[in-house]
Amino acid sequence: QAASDVSKEVAGGVEYQLIGEYDVNRLNKILTTELAAFSSFPMVYPPASNPVRLYRVLYNTVIPEDSNRPVRVSGLIALPVTKAATLPLLSYQHGTVFSRTEVPSFPEDSMETRLMVARFAGQGYIVIAADYIGKGVSKEWDSWLVKESTAQACLDMLFASQAVFADLKIVPGELFLSGWSQGSFSTSAFLRR
């Protein structure tokens, strides 16, 4: 399925847009040759079992450290193409990046995101991921290691995802949280929230 130029608005001012699909061959390429080009650390992953649709999500959040000032931010939903009635849900918090687009909602700019999509969504997990305030489409300053803003962006990404799931008639299962590097800090802050 090709990317769409059209976004759809759903409850709470959430917008989502199909930005592409990774077939099983592309997911397996990510897990092998793309990963090898990115890192010399030897790693072997099981092959992907299903294609994945990628959606960029725009949603509203607030900056708690700035009197809950409202801002518009972005994130990613990676939705496995499968016949399963219920799919487990993974909220993945990304590590430190230095550009605005090396984040989940721009997966072609982020090897970390592609790896998480291939590894988890390729095995049947719905993957959601906030870009954080100051990354992706956000016009704000980078919220690097700003605890409350990070937790709020992740929580509101979860709520935004629920609005998208309702529109797509998807029933997510059990929720899991994970992250690497800055993402482990973000996951801990999100879990406390």
C-alpha atoms as a PDB file:
ATOM      1  CA  GLN A   1       0.000   0.000   0.000  1.00  0.00           C
ATOM      2  CA  ALA A   2       1.420   3.348  -1.040  1.00  0.00           C
ATOM      3  CA  ALA A   3       1.822   6.384   1.175  1.00  0.00           C
ATOM      4  CA  SER A   4      -1.057   8.833   1.184  1.00  0.00           C
ATOM      5  CA  ASP A   5      -0.962  12.599   0.789  1.00  0.00           C
ATOM      6  CA  VAL A   6      -4.168  12.825   2.803  1.00  0.00           C
ATOM      7  CA  SER A   7      -4.377  12.841   6.572  1.00  0.00           C
ATOM      8  CA  LYS A   8      -7.502  11.953   8.508  1.00  0.00           C
ATOM      9  CA  GLU A   9      -8.661  13.759  11.639  1.00  0.00           C
ATOM     10  CA  VAL A  10     -10.182  11.731  14.442  1.00  0.00           C
ATOM     11  CA  ALA A  11     -11.224  12.380  18.060  1.00  0.00           C
ATOM     12  CA  GLY A  12      -9.343  14.932  20.135  1.00  0.00           C
ATOM     13  CA  GLY A  13      -7.765  16.752  17.194  1.00  0.00           C
ATOM     14  CA  VAL A  14      -5.594  13.727  16.370  1.00  0.00           C
ATOM     15  CA  GLU A  15      -4.562  13.391  12.721  1.00  0.00           C
ATOM     16  CA  TYR A  16      -2.977  10.371  11.106  1.00  0.00           C
ATOM     17  CA  GLN A  17      -1.589   9.642   7.667  1.00  0.00           C
ATOM     18  CA  LEU A  18      -0.337   6.479   6.011  1.00  0.00           C
ATOM     19  CA  ILE A  19       3.314   7.172   5.160  1.00  0.00           C
ATOM     20  CA  GLY A  20       4.203   3.760   3.762  1.00  0.00           C
ATOM     21  CA  GLU A  21       4.366   0.026   4.203  1.00  0.00           C
ATOM     22  CA  TYR A  22       7.288  -2.308   4.745  1.00  0.00           C
ATOM     23  CA  ASP A  23       6.759  -5.712   3.177  1.00  0.00           C
ATOM     24  CA  VAL A  24       8.378  -8.793   4.707  1.00  0.00           C
ATOM     25  CA  ASN A  25      11.350  -8.572   2.322  1.00  0.00           C
ATOM     26  CA  ARG A  26      12.094  -4.965   3.375  1.00  0.00           C
ATOM     27  CA  LEU A  27      11.708  -5.844   7.079  1.00  0.00           C
ATOM     28  CA  ASN A  28      14.168  -8.715   6.684  1.00  0.00           C
ATOM     29  CA  LYS A  29      16.574  -6.440   4.808  1.00  0.00           C
ATOM     30  CA  ILE A  30      16.405  -4.010   7.752  1.00  0.00           C
ATOM     31  CA  LEU A  31      17.212  -6.875  10.141  1.00  0.00           C
ATOM     32  CA  THR A  32      20.212  -7.997   8.075  1.00  0.00           C
ATOM     33  CA  THR A  33      21.946  -5.819   5.466  1.00  0.00           C
ATOM     34  CA  GLU A  34      20.710  -2.395   6.691  1.00  0.00           C
ATOM     35  CA  LEU A  35      21.627  -3.264  10.265  1.00  0.00           C
ATOM     36  CA  ALA A  36      25.057  -4.567   9.205  1.00  0.00           C
ATOM     37  CA  ALA A  37      25.728  -1.305   7.337  1.00  0.00           C
ATOM     38  CA  PHE A  38      24.732   0.652  10.457  1.00  0.00           C
ATOM     39  CA  SER A  39      26.625  -1.356  13.088  1.00  0.00           C
ATOM     40  CA  SER A  40      29.396  -3.951  13.071  1.00  0.00           C
ATOM     41  CA  PHE A  41      27.993  -5.543  16.247  1.00  0.00           C
ATOM     42  CA  PRO A  42      26.965  -9.086  15.246  1.00  0.00           C
ATOM     43  CA  MET A  43      23.271  -9.718  15.839  1.00  0.00           C
ATOM     44  CA  VAL A  44      20.836 -12.235  14.420  1.00  0.00           C
ATOM     45  CA  TYR A  45      17.070 -11.695  14.596  1.00  0.00           C
ATOM     46  CA  PRO A  46      14.282 -14.055  13.606  1.00  0.00           C
ATOM     47  CA  PRO A  47      12.807 -13.127  10.225  1.00  0.00           C
ATOM     48  CA  ALA A  48       9.711 -10.942  10.062  1.00  0.00           C
ATOM     49  CA  SER A  49       6.432 -12.783   9.685  1.00  0.00           C
ATOM     50  CA  ASN A  50       4.091 -10.039   8.439  1.00  0.00           C
ATOM     51  CA  PRO A  51       4.153  -6.708   6.572  1.00  0.00           C
ATOM     52  CA  VAL A  52       3.737  -3.451   8.511  1.00  0.00           C
ATOM     53  CA  ARG A  53       1.830  -0.253   7.705  1.00  0.00           C
ATOM     54  CA  LEU A  54       3.392   2.985   8.933  1.00  0.00           C
ATOM     55  CA  TYR A  55       1.308   5.947  10.089  1.00  0.00           C
ATOM     56  CA  ARG A  56       2.520   9.406  11.097  1.00  0.00           C
ATOM     57  CA  VAL A  57       0.353  10.755  13.909  1.00  0.00           C
ATOM     58  CA  LEU A  58      -0.047  14.437  14.837  1.00  0.00           C
ATOM     59  CA  TYR A  59      -1.481  15.181  18.258  1.00  0.00           C
ATOM     60  CA  ASN A  60      -1.702  17.777  20.993  1.00  0.00           C
ATOM     61  CA  THR A  61       0.252  17.687  24.223  1.00  0.00           C
ATOM     62  CA  VAL A  62       1.402  20.211  26.802  1.00  0.00           C
ATOM     63  CA  ILE A  63       4.702  21.338  28.284  1.00  0.00           C
ATOM     64  CA  PRO A  64       4.251  20.892  32.054  1.00  0.00           C
ATOM     65  CA  GLU A  65       7.435  22.858  32.816  1.00  0.00           C
ATOM     66  CA  ASP A  66       5.946  25.855  30.956  1.00  0.00           C
ATOM     67  CA  SER A  67       2.562  26.111  32.737  1.00  0.00           C
ATOM     68  CA  ASN A  68       1.099  23.319  30.566  1.00  0.00           C
ATOM     69  CA  ARG A  69       1.486  25.342  27.374  1.00  0.00           C
ATOM     70  CA  PRO A  70      -0.194  23.406  24.525  1.00  0.00           C
ATOM     71  CA  VAL A  71       1.939  22.224  21.584  1.00  0.00           C
ATOM     72  CA  ARG A  72       1.507  20.062  18.489  1.00  0.00           C
ATOM     73  CA  VAL A  73       3.784  17.031  18.165  1.00  0.00           C
ATOM     74  CA  SER A  74       4.192  13.868  16.132  1.00  0.00           C
ATOM     75  CA  GLY A  75       4.768  10.155  16.487  1.00  0.00           C
ATOM     76  CA  LEU A  76       4.537   6.835  14.682  1.00  0.00           C
ATOM     77  CA  ILE A  77       2.177   3.891  14.664  1.00  0.00           C
ATOM     78  CA  ALA A  78       3.570   0.745  13.037  1.00  0.00           C
ATOM     79  CA  LEU A  79       0.630  -1.582  12.472  1.00  0.00           C
ATOM     80  CA  PRO A  80       1.210  -5.233  11.552  1.00  0.00           C
ATOM     81  CA  VAL A  81      -0.831  -6.504   8.617  1.00  0.00           C
ATOM     82  CA  THR A  82      -2.242  -9.688  10.114  1.00  0.00           C
ATOM     83  CA  LYS A  83      -5.549 -11.449  10.676  1.00  0.00           C
ATOM     84  CA  ALA A  84      -5.089 -11.587  14.470  1.00  0.00           C
ATOM     85  CA  ALA A  85      -8.070 -10.138  16.355  1.00  0.00           C
ATOM     86  CA  THR A  86      -5.937  -8.585  19.103  1.00  0.00           C
ATOM     87  CA  LEU A  87      -2.305  -7.527  18.921  1.00  0.00           C
ATOM     88  CA  PRO A  88       0.079  -6.678  21.771  1.00  0.00           C
ATOM     89  CA  LEU A  89       1.032  -2.997  21.956  1.00  0.00           C
ATOM     90  CA  LEU A  90       4.606  -1.765  22.437  1.00  0.00           C
ATOM     91  CA  SER A  91       5.310   1.861  23.262  1.00  0.00           C
ATOM     92  CA  TYR A  92       8.930   2.361  22.219  1.00  0.00           C
ATOM     93  CA  GLN A  93      10.851   5.423  23.422  1.00  0.00           C
ATOM     94  CA  HIS A  94      13.750   6.361  21.126  1.00  0.00           C
ATOM     95  CA  GLY A  95      17.309   7.232  22.092  1.00  0.00           C
ATOM     96  CA  THR A  96      19.117  10.560  21.744  1.00  0.00           C
ATOM     97  CA  VAL A  97      19.173  12.004  18.234  1.00  0.00           C
ATOM     98  CA  PHE A  98      20.529  15.297  16.976  1.00  0.00           C
ATOM     99  CA  SER A  99      18.275  16.159  14.047  1.00  0.00           C
ATOM    100  CA  ARG A 100      14.546  16.852  14.086  1.00  0.00           C
ATOM    101  CA  THR A 101      13.796  14.050  11.639  1.00  0.00           C
ATOM    102  CA  GLU A 102      15.924  11.167  12.958  1.00  0.00           C
ATOM    103  CA  VAL A 103      12.831  10.077  14.895  1.00  0.00           C
ATOM    104  CA  PRO A 104      10.017   7.515  14.692  1.00  0.00           C
ATOM    105  CA  SER A 105       7.618   9.496  12.469  1.00  0.00           C
ATOM    106  CA  PHE A 106      10.394   9.771   9.850  1.00  0.00           C
ATOM    107  CA  PRO A 107      11.449   6.095   9.827  1.00  0.00           C
ATOM    108  CA  GLU A 108      13.636   6.354   6.729  1.00  0.00           C
ATOM    109  CA  ASP A 109      15.809   8.846   8.676  1.00  0.00           C
ATOM    110  CA  SER A 110      16.061   6.594  11.745  1.00  0.00           C
ATOM    111  CA  MET A 111      17.770   3.200  11.729  1.00  0.00           C
ATOM    112  CA  GLU A 112      16.727   2.740  15.362  1.00  0.00           C
ATOM    113  CA  THR A 113      13.073   3.132  14.390  1.00  0.00           C
ATOM    114  CA  ARG A 114      13.358   0.821  11.394  1.00  0.00           C
ATOM    115  CA  LEU A 115      14.998  -1.812  13.598  1.00  0.00           C
ATOM    116  CA  MET A 116      12.222  -1.604  16.202  1.00  0.00           C
ATOM    117  CA  VAL A 117       9.542  -1.756  13.500  1.00  0.00           C
ATOM    118  CA  ALA A 118      11.180  -4.767  11.848  1.00  0.00           C
ATOM    119  CA  ARG A 119      11.892  -6.552  15.125  1.00  0.00           C
ATOM    120  CA  PHE A 120       8.569  -5.990  16.899  1.00  0.00           C
ATOM    121  CA  ALA A 121       5.895  -4.971  14.362  1.00  0.00           C
ATOM    122  CA  GLY A 122       7.313  -7.587  11.985  1.00  0.00           C
ATOM    123  CA  GLN A 123       6.483 -10.165  14.685  1.00  0.00           C
ATOM    124  CA  GLY A 124       2.920  -8.925  15.263  1.00  0.00           C
ATOM    125  CA  TYR A 125       3.289  -6.168  17.873  1.00  0.00           C
ATOM    126  CA  ILE A 126       1.700  -2.788  17.257  1.00  0.00           C
ATOM    127  CA  VAL A 127       4.521  -0.301  17.829  1.00  0.00           C
ATOM    128  CA  ILE A 128       3.804   3.282  18.862  1.00  0.00           C
ATOM    129  CA  ALA A 129       6.525   5.872  19.383  1.00  0.00           C
ATOM    130  CA  ALA A 130       6.461   9.562  20.264  1.00  0.00           C
ATOM    131  CA  ASP A 131       9.009  11.849  18.594  1.00  0.00           C
ATOM    132  CA  TYR A 132       9.196  13.928  21.848  1.00  0.00           C
ATOM    133  CA  ILE A 133       8.654  17.663  22.070  1.00  0.00           C
ATOM    134  CA  GLY A 134      11.146  19.498  19.864  1.00  0.00           C
ATOM    135  CA  LYS A 135      11.519  16.635  17.392  1.00  0.00           C
ATOM    136  CA  GLY A 136       9.527  15.545  14.345  1.00  0.00           C
ATOM    137  CA  VAL A 137       7.003  18.218  13.333  1.00  0.00           C
ATOM    138  CA  SER A 138       7.316  20.080  16.655  1.00  0.00           C
ATOM    139  CA  LYS A 139       8.546  23.692  16.433  1.00  0.00           C
ATOM    140  CA  GLU A 140       9.680  23.774  20.079  1.00  0.00           C
ATOM    141  CA  TRP A 141      13.135  23.526  21.580  1.00  0.00           C
ATOM    142  CA  ASP A 142      14.392  19.982  22.100  1.00  0.00           C
ATOM    143  CA  SER A 143      13.060  18.492  25.353  1.00  0.00           C
ATOM    144  CA  TRP A 144      16.135  16.258  25.807  1.00  0.00           C
ATOM    145  CA  LEU A 145      15.923  14.657  29.278  1.00  0.00           C
ATOM    146  CA  VAL A 146      13.144  17.038  30.364  1.00  0.00           C
ATOM    147  CA  LYS A 147      11.258  14.553  32.492  1.00  0.00           C
ATOM    148  CA  GLU A 148       7.683  15.867  32.699  1.00  0.00           C
ATOM    149  CA  SER A 149       7.495  17.008  29.068  1.00  0.00           C
ATOM    150  CA  THR A 150       8.837  13.658  27.882  1.00  0.00           C
ATOM    151  CA  ALA A 151       6.380  11.672  30.019  1.00  0.00           C
ATOM    152  CA  GLN A 152       3.496  13.879  28.850  1.00  0.00           C
ATOM    153  CA  ALA A 153       4.381  13.477  25.153  1.00  0.00           C
ATOM    154  CA  CYS A 154       4.537   9.679  25.565  1.00  0.00           C
ATOM    155  CA  LEU A 155       1.252   9.531  27.483  1.00  0.00           C
ATOM    156  CA  ASP A 156      -0.532  11.724  24.956  1.00  0.00           C
ATOM    157  CA  MET A 157       0.895   9.584  22.131  1.00  0.00           C
ATOM    158  CA  LEU A 158      -0.749   6.583  23.789  1.00  0.00           C
ATOM    159  CA  PHE A 159      -4.062   8.461  23.952  1.00  0.00           C
ATOM    160  CA  ALA A 160      -3.690   9.638  20.333  1.00  0.00           C
ATOM    161  CA  SER A 161      -2.995   6.059  19.259  1.00  0.00           C
ATOM    162  CA  GLN A 162      -6.189   4.906  20.944  1.00  0.00           C
ATOM    163  CA  ALA A 163      -8.156   7.408  18.826  1.00  0.00           C
ATOM    164  CA  VAL A 164      -6.477   6.061  15.670  1.00  0.00           C
ATOM    165  CA  PHE A 165      -7.113   2.445  16.713  1.00  0.00           C
ATOM    166  CA  ALA A 166     -10.799   3.230  17.230  1.00  0.00           C
ATOM    167  CA  ASP A 167     -10.996   4.709  13.731  1.00  0.00           C
ATOM    168  CA  LEU A 168      -9.167   1.742  12.177  1.00  0.00           C
ATOM    169  CA  LYS A 169     -11.253  -0.747  14.219  1.00  0.00           C
ATOM    170  CA  ILE A 170      -8.106  -2.182  15.848  1.00  0.00           C
ATOM    171  CA  VAL A 171      -8.223  -3.735  19.322  1.00  0.00           C
ATOM    172  CA  PRO A 172      -4.809  -3.506  21.008  1.00  0.00           C
ATOM    173  CA  GLY A 173      -3.880  -6.089  23.635  1.00  0.00           C
ATOM    174  CA  GLU A 174      -1.472  -5.877  26.547  1.00  0.00           C
ATOM    175  CA  LEU A 175       0.731  -2.756  26.740  1.00  0.00           C
ATOM    176  CA  PHE A 176       4.534  -3.026  26.952  1.00  0.00           C
ATOM    177  CA  LEU A 177       7.030  -0.168  27.396  1.00  0.00           C
ATOM    178  CA  SER A 178      10.614  -0.195  26.158  1.00  0.00           C
ATOM    179  CA  GLY A 179      13.391   2.196  25.222  1.00  0.00           C
ATOM    180  CA  TRP A 180      17.112   2.490  24.718  1.00  0.00           C
ATOM    181  CA  SER A 181      19.595   5.130  25.933  1.00  0.00           C
ATOM    182  CA  GLN A 182      17.594   8.357  26.363  1.00  0.00           C
ATOM    183  CA  GLY A 183      14.630   6.100  25.683  1.00  0.00           C
ATOM    184  CA  SER A 184      15.254   4.186  28.911  1.00  0.00           C
ATOM    185  CA  PHE A 185      15.027   7.493  30.814  1.00  0.00           C
ATOM    186  CA  SER A 186      11.887   8.334  28.825  1.00  0.00           C
ATOM    187  CA  THR A 187      10.384   4.896  29.507  1.00  0.00           C
ATOM    188  CA  SER A 188      11.005   5.265  33.251  1.00  0.00           C
ATOM    189  CA  ALA A 189       9.411   8.740  33.285  1.00  0.00           C
ATOM    190  CA  PHE A 190       6.452   7.461  31.251  1.00  0.00           C
ATOM    191  CA  LEU A 191       6.011   4.445  33.534  1.00  0.00           C
ATOM    192  CA  ARG A 192       5.955   6.686  36.628  1.00  0.00           C
ATOM    193  CA  ARG A 193       3.341   8.913  34.960  1.00  0.00           C
END
